Amino acid sequence: MTLDFLPLVGAGGIDRNVLYGIGYAGHGVAQATLVGAMLAERVQGTHPPAEVALARKEWAWPPEPLRWLGAKLLVSVLSGN
């Protein structure tokens, strides 16, 4: 699940040739159908216009070991320890 309840569509890997669609929250069938069609268009070499609606700013994550410390702190706070 994503923080804004919208699926995340993107490309990863060294050559950016691994396409993915994740984070279907609550309306998975409808969202997965739309994202599947969008990914099919990307495989064919076009960028679907609906992709703009799912674009979001990426967060800048801190470097290690700060990332690890932050994760441990968050887990500790949320678990009540």
Protein backbone atom coordinates (compact mmCIF):
# COMPACT_ATOMS: atom_id res chain seq x y z
CA MET A 1 0.00 0.00 0.00
CA THR A 2 1.30 3.44 -0.82
CA LEU A 3 0.88 6.54 1.34
CA ASP A 4 -1.44 8.22 -1.17
CA PHE A 5 -3.41 5.02 -1.97
CA LEU A 6 -2.46 5.21 -5.66
CA PRO A 7 -0.54 2.44 -7.41
CA LEU A 8 3.11 2.99 -8.21
CA VAL A 9 4.17 2.45 -11.82
CA GLY A 10 7.77 2.59 -12.92
CA ALA A 11 10.88 1.07 -14.40
CA GLY A 12 13.92 -0.24 -12.60
CA GLY A 13 17.09 -2.16 -13.17
CA ILE A 14 20.41 -1.01 -14.57
CA ASP A 15 18.96 -0.53 -18.05
CA ARG A 16 15.53 0.58 -16.74
CA ASN A 17 14.00 -2.40 -18.53
CA VAL A 18 12.20 -3.95 -15.55
CA LEU A 19 8.67 -2.53 -15.51
CA TYR A 20 6.51 -2.78 -12.41
CA GLY A 21 3.13 -1.83 -11.01
CA ILE A 22 2.62 -2.17 -7.24
CA GLY A 23 0.54 -0.80 -4.37
CA TYR A 24 -3.05 -1.57 -5.31
CA ALA A 25 -5.08 -0.50 -2.27
CA GLY A 26 -8.72 -1.39 -1.94
CA HIS A 27 -9.60 -1.19 -5.63
CA GLY A 28 -7.01 -3.63 -6.89
CA VAL A 29 -8.94 -5.11 -9.80
CA ALA A 30 -9.71 -1.77 -11.45
CA GLN A 31 -6.28 -0.32 -10.72
CA ALA A 32 -4.43 -3.45 -11.85
CA THR A 33 -6.36 -3.48 -15.12
CA LEU A 34 -5.44 0.14 -15.85
CA VAL A 35 -1.80 -0.30 -14.81
CA GLY A 36 -1.53 -3.50 -16.85
CA ALA A 37 -2.68 -1.63 -19.95
CA MET A 38 -0.22 1.18 -19.18
CA LEU A 39 2.66 -1.28 -18.78
CA ALA A 40 1.71 -2.97 -22.05
CA GLU A 41 1.96 0.39 -23.81
CA ARG A 42 5.38 0.98 -22.27
CA VAL A 43 6.55 -2.42 -23.51
CA GLN A 44 5.49 -1.33 -27.01
CA GLY A 45 7.61 1.82 -26.67
CA THR A 46 5.01 4.49 -25.94
CA HIS A 47 4.32 6.36 -22.71
CA PRO A 48 0.60 6.40 -21.89
CA PRO A 49 -0.86 9.81 -21.01
CA ALA A 50 -2.55 8.38 -17.88
CA GLU A 51 0.90 7.86 -16.38
CA VAL A 52 1.07 11.58 -15.58
CA ALA A 53 -1.77 11.15 -13.07
CA LEU A 54 0.28 8.60 -11.13
CA ALA A 55 3.55 10.57 -11.15
CA ARG A 56 4.86 11.63 -7.77
CA LYS A 57 7.96 13.11 -6.26
CA GLU A 58 10.49 10.54 -5.10
CA TRP A 59 11.80 10.82 -1.58
CA ALA A 60 15.50 11.26 -0.99
CA TRP A 61 16.49 8.51 1.44
CA PRO A 62 19.40 9.11 3.82
CA PRO A 63 22.58 7.09 3.32
CA GLU A 64 23.45 4.07 5.44
CA PRO A 65 23.81 3.74 8.44
CA LEU A 66 21.33 6.60 8.98
CA ARG A 67 18.68 4.73 7.02
CA TRP A 68 19.10 1.65 9.25
CA LEU A 69 18.99 3.75 12.43
CA GLY A 70 15.87 5.57 11.24
CA ALA A 71 14.13 2.29 10.43
CA LYS A 72 15.00 0.83 13.83
CA LEU A 73 13.74 3.98 15.59
CA LEU A 74 10.47 3.93 13.63
CA VAL A 75 9.86 0.23 14.38
CA SER A 76 10.60 0.84 18.05
CA VAL A 77 8.19 3.77 18.27
CA LEU A 78 5.41 1.98 16.41
CA SER A 79 5.76 -1.24 18.40
CA GLY A 80 5.69 0.61 21.74
CA ASN A 81 9.13 -0.61 22.91
